[in-house]
């Protein structure tokens, strides 16, 4: 039987690579780890996981068919754990960078019930920024 430990990576098919790199690197703080231009793959470090960006006009991205859009996203959302979590400061930072975050809400995640914020990336993929569980 398999024993899953944690999220390894998420692959996003993208139309605007530069806008997406700006969001994930400059706004959320990911680091560019590896580029495989021949196949069209940009890999960003997000804590212990990776967020892979594959432009839809390059080999890896062409495999997925039509481009993702607000009417037809390629996922509901994915979640990044954020520590420390200061909801007000996170929302202020996101808004200063042209993002439209939702409010801090209590949601259940892998480590339990705790604060989270939803924010769409430039192509409409929903990103959940999740804090540690509430103290009991």
N, C-alpha and C. Protein backbone atom coordinates (compact mmCIF):
# COMPACT_ATOMS: atom_id res chain seq x y z
N UNK A 1 0.84 -1.19 0.00
CA UNK A 1 0.00 0.00 0.00
C UNK A 1 0.88 1.25 0.00
N UNK A 2 0.47 2.26 -0.75
CA UNK A 2 1.21 3.52 -0.80
C UNK A 2 1.00 4.33 0.47
N UNK A 3 2.04 5.06 0.87
CA UNK A 3 1.94 5.98 2.00
C UNK A 3 2.37 7.36 1.51
N UNK A 4 1.42 8.22 1.29
CA UNK A 4 1.71 9.56 0.78
C UNK A 4 2.20 10.44 1.92
N UNK A 5 3.30 11.16 1.68
CA UNK A 5 3.91 11.99 2.72
C UNK A 5 3.54 13.46 2.58
N UNK A 6 3.59 14.00 1.37
CA UNK A 6 3.30 15.42 1.16
C UNK A 6 3.17 15.69 -0.33
N UNK A 7 2.72 16.85 -0.67
CA UNK A 7 2.63 17.26 -2.07
C UNK A 7 4.04 17.43 -2.63
N UNK A 8 4.34 16.82 -3.77
CA UNK A 8 5.65 16.94 -4.40
C UNK A 8 5.68 18.12 -5.36
N UNK A 9 4.73 18.17 -6.29
CA UNK A 9 4.68 19.29 -7.24
C UNK A 9 3.31 19.41 -7.88
N UNK A 10 3.07 20.58 -8.40
CA UNK A 10 1.86 20.90 -9.16
C UNK A 10 2.35 21.44 -10.50
N UNK A 11 1.69 21.04 -11.60
CA UNK A 11 2.06 21.53 -12.93
C UNK A 11 0.92 22.40 -13.46
N UNK A 12 1.24 23.63 -13.79
CA UNK A 12 0.25 24.56 -14.32
C UNK A 12 0.57 24.85 -15.79
N UNK A 13 -0.41 24.65 -16.66
CA UNK A 13 -0.28 25.06 -18.06
C UNK A 13 -0.59 26.55 -18.11
N UNK A 14 0.30 27.33 -18.74
CA UNK A 14 0.16 28.78 -18.68
C UNK A 14 0.22 29.43 -20.06
N UNK A 15 -0.49 30.56 -20.18
CA UNK A 15 -0.47 31.35 -21.41
C UNK A 15 0.57 32.45 -21.34
N UNK A 16 0.73 33.05 -20.17
CA UNK A 16 1.65 34.18 -19.99
C UNK A 16 2.73 33.83 -18.98
N UNK A 17 3.81 33.25 -19.44
CA UNK A 17 4.87 32.78 -18.54
C UNK A 17 5.42 33.89 -17.66
N UNK A 18 5.70 35.06 -18.22
CA UNK A 18 6.33 36.13 -17.44
C UNK A 18 5.41 36.63 -16.31
N UNK A 19 4.14 36.79 -16.58
CA UNK A 19 3.20 37.22 -15.53
C UNK A 19 3.10 36.18 -14.44
N UNK A 20 3.10 34.91 -14.83
CA UNK A 20 3.00 33.83 -13.84
C UNK A 20 4.29 33.75 -13.01
N UNK A 21 5.45 33.91 -13.65
CA UNK A 21 6.71 33.89 -12.91
C UNK A 21 6.76 35.07 -11.93
N UNK A 22 6.31 36.24 -12.36
CA UNK A 22 6.27 37.40 -11.47
C UNK A 22 5.41 37.09 -10.24
N UNK A 23 4.22 36.54 -10.44
CA UNK A 23 3.32 36.24 -9.33
C UNK A 23 3.96 35.24 -8.37
N UNK A 24 4.42 34.11 -8.87
CA UNK A 24 4.92 33.06 -8.00
C UNK A 24 6.29 33.39 -7.39
N UNK A 25 7.14 34.12 -8.11
CA UNK A 25 8.47 34.45 -7.59
C UNK A 25 8.44 35.76 -6.79
N UNK A 26 7.97 36.84 -7.41
CA UNK A 26 8.05 38.16 -6.78
C UNK A 26 6.97 38.40 -5.74
N UNK A 27 5.77 37.86 -5.96
CA UNK A 27 4.68 38.10 -5.01
C UNK A 27 4.65 37.04 -3.92
N UNK A 28 4.71 35.75 -4.30
CA UNK A 28 4.60 34.69 -3.30
C UNK A 28 5.94 34.22 -2.73
N UNK A 29 7.05 34.58 -3.38
CA UNK A 29 8.36 34.26 -2.82
C UNK A 29 8.96 32.93 -3.22
N UNK A 30 8.43 32.28 -4.25
CA UNK A 30 9.04 31.05 -4.75
C UNK A 30 10.37 31.38 -5.39
N UNK A 31 11.21 30.38 -5.57
CA UNK A 31 12.52 30.57 -6.21
C UNK A 31 12.58 29.74 -7.49
N UNK A 32 13.13 30.32 -8.55
CA UNK A 32 13.34 29.58 -9.78
C UNK A 32 14.43 28.55 -9.52
N UNK A 33 14.10 27.27 -9.69
CA UNK A 33 15.05 26.20 -9.38
C UNK A 33 15.67 25.58 -10.62
N UNK A 34 14.86 25.36 -11.64
CA UNK A 34 15.37 24.67 -12.82
C UNK A 34 14.56 25.07 -14.03
N UNK A 35 15.22 25.23 -15.17
CA UNK A 35 14.54 25.53 -16.43
C UNK A 35 14.95 24.46 -17.44
N UNK A 36 13.95 23.88 -18.09
CA UNK A 36 14.18 22.92 -19.16
C UNK A 36 13.50 23.47 -20.41
N UNK A 37 14.16 24.44 -21.05
CA UNK A 37 13.55 25.15 -22.17
C UNK A 37 13.19 24.24 -23.33
N UNK A 38 13.97 23.20 -23.57
CA UNK A 38 13.72 22.31 -24.71
C UNK A 38 12.32 21.71 -24.66
N UNK A 39 11.87 21.33 -23.47
CA UNK A 39 10.52 20.76 -23.35
C UNK A 39 9.50 21.79 -22.89
N UNK A 40 9.98 22.97 -22.44
CA UNK A 40 9.07 24.03 -22.01
C UNK A 40 8.63 23.83 -20.57
N UNK A 41 9.58 23.81 -19.62
CA UNK A 41 9.28 23.55 -18.22
C UNK A 41 10.10 24.48 -17.33
N UNK A 42 9.43 25.30 -16.53
CA UNK A 42 10.07 26.17 -15.55
C UNK A 42 9.64 25.66 -14.18
N UNK A 43 10.61 25.30 -13.33
CA UNK A 43 10.30 24.70 -12.03
C UNK A 43 10.65 25.67 -10.91
N UNK A 44 9.66 25.98 -10.09
CA UNK A 44 9.80 26.94 -9.01
C UNK A 44 9.72 26.21 -7.67
N UNK A 45 10.63 26.51 -6.77
CA UNK A 45 10.63 25.92 -5.43
C UNK A 45 9.62 26.64 -4.56
N UNK A 46 8.72 25.87 -3.95
CA UNK A 46 7.71 26.39 -3.03
C UNK A 46 7.83 25.57 -1.74
N UNK A 47 8.75 25.95 -0.87
CA UNK A 47 9.01 25.17 0.34
C UNK A 47 9.60 23.82 -0.04
N UNK A 48 8.95 22.74 0.37
CA UNK A 48 9.45 21.40 0.04
C UNK A 48 8.88 20.89 -1.28
N UNK A 49 8.00 21.65 -1.90
CA UNK A 49 7.35 21.22 -3.14
C UNK A 49 7.81 22.10 -4.31
N UNK A 50 7.38 21.72 -5.50
CA UNK A 50 7.65 22.50 -6.70
C UNK A 50 6.35 22.92 -7.35
N UNK A 51 6.36 24.09 -7.98
CA UNK A 51 5.29 24.52 -8.86
C UNK A 51 5.92 24.60 -10.24
N UNK A 52 5.46 23.76 -11.15
CA UNK A 52 5.99 23.72 -12.50
C UNK A 52 5.09 24.53 -13.42
N UNK A 53 5.70 25.39 -14.23
CA UNK A 53 4.97 26.19 -15.21
C UNK A 53 5.33 25.69 -16.60
N UNK A 54 4.32 25.31 -17.39
CA UNK A 54 4.56 24.84 -18.76
C UNK A 54 3.74 25.71 -19.72
N UNK A 55 4.41 26.56 -20.50
CA UNK A 55 3.70 27.39 -21.48
C UNK A 55 2.95 26.52 -22.49
N UNK A 56 1.72 26.92 -22.80
CA UNK A 56 0.87 26.11 -23.69
C UNK A 56 1.38 26.04 -25.12
N UNK A 57 2.30 26.94 -25.50
CA UNK A 57 2.81 26.92 -26.88
C UNK A 57 4.13 26.15 -27.01
N UNK A 58 4.57 25.48 -25.94
CA UNK A 58 5.80 24.69 -25.97
C UNK A 58 5.44 23.21 -25.75
N UNK A 59 6.36 22.28 -26.05
CA UNK A 59 6.02 20.86 -26.06
C UNK A 59 5.24 20.32 -24.84
N UNK A 60 5.71 20.58 -23.62
CA UNK A 60 5.02 20.03 -22.44
C UNK A 60 3.60 20.59 -22.32
N UNK A 61 3.43 21.88 -22.60
CA UNK A 61 2.12 22.51 -22.47
C UNK A 61 1.15 22.17 -23.57
N UNK A 62 1.65 21.80 -24.73
CA UNK A 62 0.79 21.47 -25.87
C UNK A 62 0.03 20.17 -25.63
N UNK A 63 0.52 19.33 -24.75
CA UNK A 63 -0.12 18.03 -24.50
C UNK A 63 -1.49 18.16 -23.84
N UNK A 64 -1.80 19.30 -23.25
CA UNK A 64 -3.03 19.45 -22.49
C UNK A 64 -4.22 20.00 -23.24
N UNK A 65 -4.09 20.24 -24.53
CA UNK A 65 -5.22 20.76 -25.30
C UNK A 65 -5.37 22.25 -25.19
N UNK A 66 -6.63 22.70 -25.14
CA UNK A 66 -6.93 24.14 -25.13
C UNK A 66 -6.32 24.83 -23.92
N UNK A 67 -6.06 26.12 -24.06
CA UNK A 67 -5.49 26.91 -22.98
C UNK A 67 -6.47 27.03 -21.81
N UNK A 68 -5.95 27.01 -20.58
CA UNK A 68 -6.82 27.24 -19.43
C UNK A 68 -7.33 28.68 -19.46
N UNK A 69 -8.54 28.88 -18.96
CA UNK A 69 -9.15 30.21 -18.91
C UNK A 69 -10.12 30.26 -17.74
N UNK A 70 -10.66 31.41 -17.46
CA UNK A 70 -11.60 31.53 -16.33
C UNK A 70 -12.81 30.61 -16.50
N UNK A 71 -13.20 30.35 -17.74
CA UNK A 71 -14.36 29.48 -18.00
C UNK A 71 -13.98 28.01 -17.98
N UNK A 72 -12.71 27.69 -18.04
CA UNK A 72 -12.29 26.31 -18.08
C UNK A 72 -10.90 26.13 -17.47
N UNK A 73 -10.83 26.23 -16.15
CA UNK A 73 -9.54 26.10 -15.47
C UNK A 73 -9.08 24.65 -15.49
N UNK A 74 -7.78 24.46 -15.25
CA UNK A 74 -7.27 23.11 -15.25
C UNK A 74 -7.17 22.51 -13.84
N UNK A 75 -7.72 23.19 -12.83
CA UNK A 75 -7.84 22.65 -11.47
C UNK A 75 -8.73 23.58 -10.66
N UNK A 76 -9.18 23.12 -9.50
CA UNK A 76 -9.96 24.00 -8.63
C UNK A 76 -9.02 24.93 -7.87
N UNK A 77 -8.12 24.38 -7.08
CA UNK A 77 -7.10 25.18 -6.40
C UNK A 77 -6.02 24.26 -5.85
N UNK A 78 -4.90 24.85 -5.47
CA UNK A 78 -3.90 24.12 -4.70
C UNK A 78 -3.51 24.99 -3.52
N UNK A 79 -2.93 24.35 -2.52
CA UNK A 79 -2.70 25.02 -1.25
C UNK A 79 -1.22 25.03 -0.89
N UNK A 80 -0.73 26.20 -0.48
CA UNK A 80 0.64 26.36 0.00
C UNK A 80 0.60 26.71 1.49
N UNK A 81 1.32 25.96 2.30
CA UNK A 81 1.39 26.27 3.73
C UNK A 81 2.30 27.47 3.93
N UNK A 82 1.86 28.43 4.74
CA UNK A 82 2.60 29.66 4.99
C UNK A 82 2.83 29.81 6.49
N UNK A 83 4.09 29.94 6.89
CA UNK A 83 4.41 30.19 8.30
C UNK A 83 5.56 31.17 8.36
N UNK A 84 5.50 32.20 9.16
CA UNK A 84 4.37 32.54 10.02
C UNK A 84 3.20 33.06 9.18
N UNK A 85 2.02 33.06 9.77
CA UNK A 85 0.83 33.49 9.06
C UNK A 85 0.27 34.73 9.74
N UNK A 86 0.38 35.88 9.08
CA UNK A 86 -0.21 37.14 9.54
C UNK A 86 -1.18 37.55 8.44
N UNK A 87 -2.44 37.19 8.62
CA UNK A 87 -3.45 37.40 7.58
C UNK A 87 -3.51 38.81 7.05
N UNK A 88 -3.52 39.79 7.95
CA UNK A 88 -3.61 41.19 7.54
C UNK A 88 -2.40 41.60 6.70
N UNK A 89 -1.22 41.21 7.14
CA UNK A 89 0.00 41.54 6.39
C UNK A 89 0.03 40.85 5.03
N UNK A 90 -0.43 39.60 4.97
CA UNK A 90 -0.46 38.87 3.70
C UNK A 90 -1.41 39.54 2.72
N UNK A 91 -2.60 39.89 3.20
CA UNK A 91 -3.59 40.55 2.33
C UNK A 91 -3.05 41.90 1.84
N UNK A 92 -2.43 42.67 2.72
CA UNK A 92 -1.85 43.96 2.32
C UNK A 92 -0.79 43.76 1.25
N UNK A 93 0.09 42.80 1.46
CA UNK A 93 1.15 42.50 0.48
C UNK A 93 0.56 42.11 -0.87
N UNK A 94 -0.43 41.23 -0.85
CA UNK A 94 -1.04 40.78 -2.10
C UNK A 94 -1.70 41.95 -2.84
N UNK A 95 -2.44 42.78 -2.12
CA UNK A 95 -3.10 43.93 -2.74
C UNK A 95 -2.08 44.93 -3.30
N UNK A 96 -0.98 45.13 -2.60
CA UNK A 96 0.07 46.04 -3.08
C UNK A 96 0.69 45.53 -4.37
N UNK A 97 0.54 44.24 -4.63
CA UNK A 97 1.08 43.63 -5.84
C UNK A 97 0.00 43.38 -6.89
N UNK A 98 -1.12 44.06 -6.75
CA UNK A 98 -2.17 43.99 -7.76
C UNK A 98 -3.04 42.75 -7.71
N UNK A 99 -2.97 42.01 -6.62
CA UNK A 99 -3.78 40.78 -6.49
C UNK A 99 -5.10 41.10 -5.81
N UNK A 100 -6.05 40.18 -5.94
CA UNK A 100 -7.37 40.33 -5.33
C UNK A 100 -7.64 39.17 -4.39
N UNK A 101 -7.03 39.21 -3.18
CA UNK A 101 -7.22 38.11 -2.25
C UNK A 101 -8.60 38.15 -1.60
N UNK A 102 -9.07 36.97 -1.20
CA UNK A 102 -10.28 36.88 -0.41
C UNK A 102 -9.94 37.14 1.04
N UNK A 103 -10.94 37.08 1.92
CA UNK A 103 -10.69 37.31 3.35
C UNK A 103 -10.02 36.11 4.00
N UNK A 104 -9.48 36.33 5.19
CA UNK A 104 -8.97 35.21 5.99
C UNK A 104 -10.18 34.43 6.48
N UNK A 105 -10.18 33.13 6.22
CA UNK A 105 -11.25 32.26 6.68
C UNK A 105 -10.65 31.02 7.30
N UNK A 106 -11.40 30.38 8.18
CA UNK A 106 -10.95 29.15 8.80
C UNK A 106 -11.32 27.98 7.89
N UNK A 107 -10.31 27.21 7.50
CA UNK A 107 -10.53 26.05 6.62
C UNK A 107 -9.72 24.88 7.14
N UNK A 108 -10.16 23.69 6.78
CA UNK A 108 -9.47 22.48 7.19
C UNK A 108 -8.43 22.12 6.15
N UNK A 109 -7.23 21.74 6.59
CA UNK A 109 -6.17 21.32 5.69
C UNK A 109 -5.43 20.14 6.28
N UNK A 110 -4.30 19.81 5.69
CA UNK A 110 -3.54 18.63 6.08
C UNK A 110 -3.11 18.64 7.55
N UNK A 111 -2.90 19.82 8.11
CA UNK A 111 -2.47 19.91 9.51
C UNK A 111 -3.60 20.28 10.46
N UNK A 112 -4.83 20.40 9.94
CA UNK A 112 -5.97 20.71 10.79
C UNK A 112 -6.65 22.01 10.41
N UNK A 113 -7.58 22.44 11.24
CA UNK A 113 -8.36 23.66 11.02
C UNK A 113 -7.50 24.88 11.31
N UNK A 114 -7.49 25.82 10.38
CA UNK A 114 -6.69 27.02 10.59
C UNK A 114 -7.01 28.08 9.56
N UNK A 115 -6.31 29.23 9.65
CA UNK A 115 -6.59 30.36 8.76
C UNK A 115 -6.08 30.11 7.34
N UNK A 116 -6.80 30.66 6.38
CA UNK A 116 -6.34 30.58 5.00
C UNK A 116 -6.89 31.74 4.20
N UNK A 117 -6.23 32.01 3.09
CA UNK A 117 -6.62 33.08 2.17
C UNK A 117 -6.57 32.50 0.76
N UNK A 118 -7.62 32.74 -0.01
CA UNK A 118 -7.61 32.37 -1.42
C UNK A 118 -7.21 33.59 -2.25
N UNK A 119 -6.34 33.36 -3.26
CA UNK A 119 -5.95 34.43 -4.17
C UNK A 119 -5.75 33.81 -5.56
N UNK A 120 -6.35 34.41 -6.59
CA UNK A 120 -6.13 33.89 -7.94
C UNK A 120 -4.78 34.36 -8.49
N UNK A 121 -4.13 33.47 -9.24
CA UNK A 121 -2.91 33.89 -9.93
C UNK A 121 -3.32 34.64 -11.21
N UNK A 122 -2.38 35.15 -12.00
CA UNK A 122 -2.74 35.94 -13.18
C UNK A 122 -3.58 35.22 -14.22
N UNK A 123 -3.62 33.89 -14.19
CA UNK A 123 -4.40 33.15 -15.19
C UNK A 123 -5.64 32.50 -14.59
N UNK A 124 -6.00 32.89 -13.36
CA UNK A 124 -7.24 32.42 -12.76
C UNK A 124 -7.14 31.14 -11.96
N UNK A 125 -5.94 30.54 -11.84
CA UNK A 125 -5.79 29.37 -10.97
C UNK A 125 -5.90 29.87 -9.53
N UNK A 126 -6.68 29.19 -8.71
CA UNK A 126 -6.86 29.62 -7.33
C UNK A 126 -5.76 29.01 -6.46
N UNK A 127 -5.10 29.88 -5.68
CA UNK A 127 -4.05 29.47 -4.75
C UNK A 127 -4.57 29.72 -3.34
N UNK A 128 -4.48 28.71 -2.49
CA UNK A 128 -4.83 28.88 -1.08
C UNK A 128 -3.55 29.03 -0.29
N UNK A 129 -3.45 30.09 0.50
CA UNK A 129 -2.31 30.31 1.39
C UNK A 129 -2.79 29.93 2.79
N UNK A 130 -2.22 28.86 3.35
CA UNK A 130 -2.75 28.24 4.58
C UNK A 130 -1.79 28.42 5.74
N UNK A 131 -2.31 28.91 6.84
CA UNK A 131 -1.52 29.06 8.06
C UNK A 131 -1.56 27.79 8.88
N UNK A 132 -0.82 27.79 10.00
CA UNK A 132 -0.82 26.62 10.88
C UNK A 132 -2.18 26.45 11.55
N UNK A 133 -2.45 25.26 12.07
CA UNK A 133 -3.75 25.04 12.70
C UNK A 133 -3.95 25.93 13.91
N UNK A 134 -5.22 26.24 14.19
CA UNK A 134 -5.54 27.02 15.36
C UNK A 134 -5.09 26.25 16.61
N UNK A 135 -4.65 26.97 17.62
CA UNK A 135 -4.28 26.31 18.89
C UNK A 135 -5.55 25.88 19.59
N UNK A 136 -5.52 24.70 20.20
CA UNK A 136 -6.72 24.20 20.89
C UNK A 136 -6.60 24.35 22.38
